[in-house]
N, C-alpha and C. Protein backbone atom coordinates (compact mmCIF):
# COMPACT_ATOMS: atom_id res chain seq x y z
N MET A 1 138.91 116.21 40.59
CA MET A 1 138.68 117.13 41.68
C MET A 1 137.26 116.96 42.21
N LEU A 2 136.31 116.89 41.29
CA LEU A 2 134.91 116.72 41.67
C LEU A 2 134.70 115.37 42.35
N ALA A 3 135.39 114.35 41.86
CA ALA A 3 135.27 113.02 42.46
C ALA A 3 135.84 113.03 43.88
N ALA A 4 136.89 113.75 44.14
CA ALA A 4 137.47 113.83 45.47
C ALA A 4 136.52 114.54 46.43
N LEU A 5 135.86 115.58 45.95
CA LEU A 5 134.90 116.33 46.76
C LEU A 5 133.70 115.45 47.11
N LEU A 6 133.22 114.66 46.16
CA LEU A 6 132.08 113.79 46.41
C LEU A 6 132.44 112.66 47.38
N SER A 7 133.66 112.22 47.42
CA SER A 7 134.05 111.15 48.33
C SER A 7 134.19 111.67 49.77
N VAL A 8 134.40 112.97 49.93
CA VAL A 8 134.54 113.55 51.26
C VAL A 8 133.17 113.78 51.90
N LEU A 9 132.16 114.07 51.12
CA LEU A 9 130.84 114.39 51.66
C LEU A 9 130.24 113.25 52.48
N PRO A 10 130.29 111.99 52.08
CA PRO A 10 129.74 110.93 52.94
C PRO A 10 130.49 110.81 54.27
N ALA A 11 131.76 111.06 54.27
CA ALA A 11 132.51 110.99 55.51
C ALA A 11 132.06 112.08 56.48
N CYS A 12 131.72 113.25 56.00
CA CYS A 12 131.23 114.33 56.86
C CYS A 12 129.86 113.99 57.41
N ALA A 13 129.02 113.36 56.61
CA ALA A 13 127.68 113.01 57.06
C ALA A 13 127.74 112.01 58.22
N VAL A 14 128.66 111.10 58.15
CA VAL A 14 128.78 110.11 59.23
C VAL A 14 129.24 110.77 60.51
N SER A 15 130.16 111.70 60.44
CA SER A 15 130.68 112.32 61.65
C SER A 15 129.67 113.28 62.28
N THR A 16 128.76 113.86 61.51
CA THR A 16 127.79 114.78 62.09
C THR A 16 126.66 114.05 62.79
N ARG A 17 126.34 112.81 62.42
CA ARG A 17 125.27 112.07 63.08
C ARG A 17 125.64 111.68 64.50
N SER A 18 126.93 111.55 64.78
CA SER A 18 127.35 111.13 66.11
C SER A 18 127.04 112.19 67.16
N ALA A 19 126.79 113.44 66.76
CA ALA A 19 126.45 114.48 67.72
C ALA A 19 125.09 114.20 68.36
N ASN A 20 124.19 113.51 67.67
CA ASN A 20 122.87 113.21 68.20
C ASN A 20 122.82 111.84 68.89
N LEU A 21 123.92 111.16 68.91
CA LEU A 21 123.97 109.83 69.49
C LEU A 21 123.85 109.92 71.01
N ILE A 22 122.97 109.13 71.59
CA ILE A 22 122.78 109.12 73.04
C ILE A 22 123.58 107.96 73.61
N VAL A 23 124.46 108.29 74.51
CA VAL A 23 125.30 107.27 75.14
C VAL A 23 124.65 106.90 76.47
N PRO A 24 124.31 105.64 76.68
CA PRO A 24 123.68 105.27 77.95
C PRO A 24 124.67 105.37 79.10
N PRO A 25 124.16 105.69 80.29
CA PRO A 25 125.08 105.79 81.42
C PRO A 25 125.65 104.42 81.79
N ALA A 26 126.77 104.45 82.45
CA ALA A 26 127.39 103.20 82.89
C ALA A 26 126.50 102.52 83.93
N PRO A 27 126.45 101.22 83.94
CA PRO A 27 125.63 100.55 84.96
C PRO A 27 126.17 100.83 86.36
N PRO A 28 125.29 100.88 87.35
CA PRO A 28 125.76 101.19 88.70
C PRO A 28 126.61 100.05 89.26
N ARG A 29 127.56 100.43 90.09
CA ARG A 29 128.38 99.42 90.77
C ARG A 29 127.67 99.05 92.05
N LEU A 30 127.39 97.79 92.22
CA LEU A 30 126.71 97.32 93.41
C LEU A 30 127.75 97.00 94.48
N ALA A 31 127.62 97.67 95.60
CA ALA A 31 128.53 97.41 96.71
C ALA A 31 128.20 96.06 97.32
N ALA A 32 129.21 95.34 97.69
CA ALA A 32 129.02 94.03 98.33
C ALA A 32 128.98 94.23 99.84
N PRO A 33 128.18 93.43 100.54
CA PRO A 33 128.14 93.56 102.00
C PRO A 33 129.43 93.07 102.63
N ASP A 34 129.68 93.50 103.83
CA ASP A 34 130.85 93.05 104.58
C ASP A 34 130.77 91.54 104.76
N SER A 35 131.90 90.88 104.70
CA SER A 35 131.90 89.41 104.78
C SER A 35 131.37 88.91 106.12
N VAL A 36 131.46 89.71 107.16
CA VAL A 36 130.93 89.31 108.47
C VAL A 36 129.41 89.16 108.41
N LEU A 37 128.75 89.99 107.60
CA LEU A 37 127.29 89.97 107.53
C LEU A 37 126.74 88.74 106.82
N VAL A 38 127.54 88.10 106.01
CA VAL A 38 127.04 86.95 105.25
C VAL A 38 127.54 85.61 105.78
N GLN A 39 128.16 85.64 106.95
CA GLN A 39 128.61 84.39 107.56
C GLN A 39 127.42 83.55 108.00
N LYS A 40 127.59 82.25 107.93
CA LYS A 40 126.54 81.33 108.36
C LYS A 40 126.42 81.39 109.88
N CYS A 41 125.20 81.33 110.37
CA CYS A 41 124.97 81.36 111.81
C CYS A 41 125.40 80.04 112.45
N VAL A 42 125.91 80.15 113.66
CA VAL A 42 126.29 78.97 114.42
C VAL A 42 125.02 78.38 115.02
N GLY A 43 124.87 77.10 114.91
CA GLY A 43 123.68 76.45 115.43
C GLY A 43 123.69 76.33 116.95
N PRO A 44 122.66 75.70 117.49
CA PRO A 44 122.59 75.54 118.95
C PRO A 44 123.67 74.59 119.47
N VAL A 45 123.91 74.68 120.74
CA VAL A 45 124.90 73.84 121.40
C VAL A 45 124.40 72.40 121.43
N ASP A 46 125.31 71.47 121.18
CA ASP A 46 124.96 70.05 121.28
C ASP A 46 125.06 69.65 122.75
N ILE A 47 123.93 69.27 123.34
CA ILE A 47 123.93 68.95 124.76
C ILE A 47 124.23 67.48 125.03
N GLY A 48 124.31 66.67 124.00
CA GLY A 48 124.62 65.27 124.18
C GLY A 48 123.45 64.51 124.78
N ASP A 49 123.74 63.33 125.32
CA ASP A 49 122.66 62.51 125.87
C ASP A 49 122.85 62.20 127.35
N LYS A 50 123.74 62.92 128.00
CA LYS A 50 123.95 62.70 129.43
C LYS A 50 123.12 63.69 130.25
N GLU A 51 122.94 63.39 131.50
CA GLU A 51 122.23 64.30 132.38
C GLU A 51 123.11 65.51 132.66
N LEU A 52 122.48 66.67 132.75
CA LEU A 52 123.21 67.91 132.97
C LEU A 52 122.90 68.47 134.35
N THR A 53 123.90 69.11 134.93
CA THR A 53 123.66 69.81 136.19
C THR A 53 122.99 71.14 135.88
N GLN A 54 122.45 71.77 136.90
CA GLN A 54 121.82 73.07 136.72
C GLN A 54 122.82 74.09 136.17
N ALA A 55 124.03 74.07 136.66
CA ALA A 55 125.06 75.02 136.21
C ALA A 55 125.41 74.78 134.74
N GLU A 56 125.56 73.51 134.34
CA GLU A 56 125.85 73.20 132.93
C GLU A 56 124.70 73.63 132.03
N LEU A 57 123.48 73.37 132.48
CA LEU A 57 122.31 73.74 131.70
C LEU A 57 122.23 75.25 131.51
N GLU A 58 122.47 75.98 132.58
CA GLU A 58 122.44 77.45 132.49
C GLU A 58 123.53 77.96 131.56
N HIS A 59 124.72 77.37 131.65
CA HIS A 59 125.82 77.79 130.78
C HIS A 59 125.47 77.54 129.31
N LEU A 60 124.92 76.36 129.01
CA LEU A 60 124.55 76.04 127.63
C LEU A 60 123.42 76.94 127.13
N TRP A 61 122.47 77.25 128.00
CA TRP A 61 121.37 78.13 127.62
C TRP A 61 121.90 79.52 127.29
N ILE A 62 122.81 80.02 128.12
CA ILE A 62 123.40 81.35 127.86
C ILE A 62 124.15 81.34 126.54
N THR A 63 124.91 80.27 126.27
CA THR A 63 125.64 80.17 125.00
C THR A 63 124.68 80.17 123.81
N ASP A 64 123.60 79.40 123.91
CA ASP A 64 122.60 79.38 122.83
C ASP A 64 121.99 80.76 122.63
N ARG A 65 121.68 81.42 123.72
CA ARG A 65 121.06 82.75 123.64
C ARG A 65 122.01 83.74 122.96
N GLN A 66 123.29 83.70 123.30
CA GLN A 66 124.27 84.58 122.68
C GLN A 66 124.39 84.32 121.18
N ARG A 67 124.41 83.05 120.81
CA ARG A 67 124.49 82.70 119.38
C ARG A 67 123.26 83.19 118.63
N LEU A 68 122.10 83.02 119.22
CA LEU A 68 120.86 83.47 118.58
C LEU A 68 120.85 84.98 118.39
N LEU A 69 121.23 85.71 119.41
CA LEU A 69 121.23 87.17 119.31
C LEU A 69 122.26 87.67 118.30
N THR A 70 123.42 87.03 118.26
CA THR A 70 124.44 87.40 117.27
C THR A 70 123.92 87.18 115.85
N CYS A 71 123.26 86.05 115.64
CA CYS A 71 122.71 85.73 114.32
C CYS A 71 121.63 86.73 113.92
N VAL A 72 120.73 87.04 114.83
CA VAL A 72 119.65 87.99 114.53
C VAL A 72 120.21 89.36 114.20
N ARG A 73 121.15 89.83 114.99
CA ARG A 73 121.75 91.15 114.74
C ARG A 73 122.46 91.19 113.40
N ARG A 74 123.15 90.11 113.05
CA ARG A 74 123.86 90.04 111.77
C ARG A 74 122.87 90.10 110.61
N HIS A 75 121.78 89.36 110.71
CA HIS A 75 120.80 89.35 109.63
C HIS A 75 120.06 90.69 109.52
N LEU A 76 119.80 91.34 110.63
CA LEU A 76 119.18 92.66 110.57
C LEU A 76 120.12 93.68 109.94
N ALA A 77 121.40 93.59 110.26
CA ALA A 77 122.38 94.49 109.65
C ALA A 77 122.49 94.24 108.15
N LEU A 78 122.42 92.98 107.74
CA LEU A 78 122.48 92.65 106.31
C LEU A 78 121.23 93.19 105.59
N ARG A 79 120.07 93.03 106.22
CA ARG A 79 118.83 93.57 105.64
C ARG A 79 118.93 95.08 105.48
N ASP A 80 119.43 95.77 106.51
CA ASP A 80 119.58 97.22 106.44
C ASP A 80 120.58 97.64 105.37
N PHE A 81 121.64 96.86 105.20
CA PHE A 81 122.63 97.16 104.17
C PHE A 81 121.98 97.16 102.78
N TYR A 82 121.23 96.09 102.48
CA TYR A 82 120.59 96.00 101.16
C TYR A 82 119.50 97.05 100.98
N ALA A 83 118.76 97.35 102.02
CA ALA A 83 117.74 98.39 101.92
C ALA A 83 118.37 99.75 101.64
N ASP A 84 119.47 100.05 102.32
CA ASP A 84 120.17 101.31 102.11
C ASP A 84 120.76 101.38 100.71
N ARG A 85 121.45 100.32 100.29
CA ARG A 85 122.08 100.30 98.96
C ARG A 85 121.04 100.43 97.86
N ASP A 86 119.97 99.65 97.94
CA ASP A 86 118.95 99.70 96.90
C ASP A 86 118.20 101.02 96.91
N GLY A 87 118.02 101.59 98.09
CA GLY A 87 117.38 102.90 98.17
C GLY A 87 118.22 103.98 97.52
N ARG A 88 119.52 103.92 97.72
CA ARG A 88 120.42 104.90 97.09
C ARG A 88 120.42 104.75 95.56
N LEU A 89 120.39 103.51 95.09
CA LEU A 89 120.38 103.27 93.64
C LEU A 89 119.09 103.77 92.99
N SER A 90 117.98 103.64 93.71
CA SER A 90 116.70 104.06 93.13
C SER A 90 116.41 105.53 93.42
N GLY A 91 117.23 106.18 94.24
CA GLY A 91 117.03 107.59 94.52
C GLY A 91 116.04 107.86 95.64
N ARG A 92 115.65 106.82 96.36
CA ARG A 92 114.71 106.99 97.47
C ARG A 92 115.49 106.98 98.79
N ALA A 93 115.03 107.81 99.70
CA ALA A 93 115.62 107.79 101.02
C ALA A 93 115.07 106.61 101.80
N VAL A 94 115.92 105.97 102.56
CA VAL A 94 115.51 104.82 103.35
C VAL A 94 115.31 105.27 104.78
N THR A 95 114.14 104.98 105.33
CA THR A 95 113.86 105.33 106.72
C THR A 95 113.92 104.07 107.56
N LYS A 96 114.43 104.21 108.74
CA LYS A 96 114.55 103.05 109.63
C LYS A 96 113.51 103.12 110.70
């Protein structure tokens, strides 16, 4: 009887220590950016080696300008996404 009582005491000691055990929080889930934001930018228009008319030149310039602006806006949106996400994870408000 005494031996049975002594064998139960170590089991109780192990279960009472778990009350002081600190469980670390789960790691944060990092949101991934939208796939549109990480697309590679389209390069400039290939003008070739022939002479261009004024109308062709203007059309190609407008196309290059549109591609550049699209790329810049995409990269700014990606920068803002990471700033917002990292700010939320660190508990800081992000100002624009």
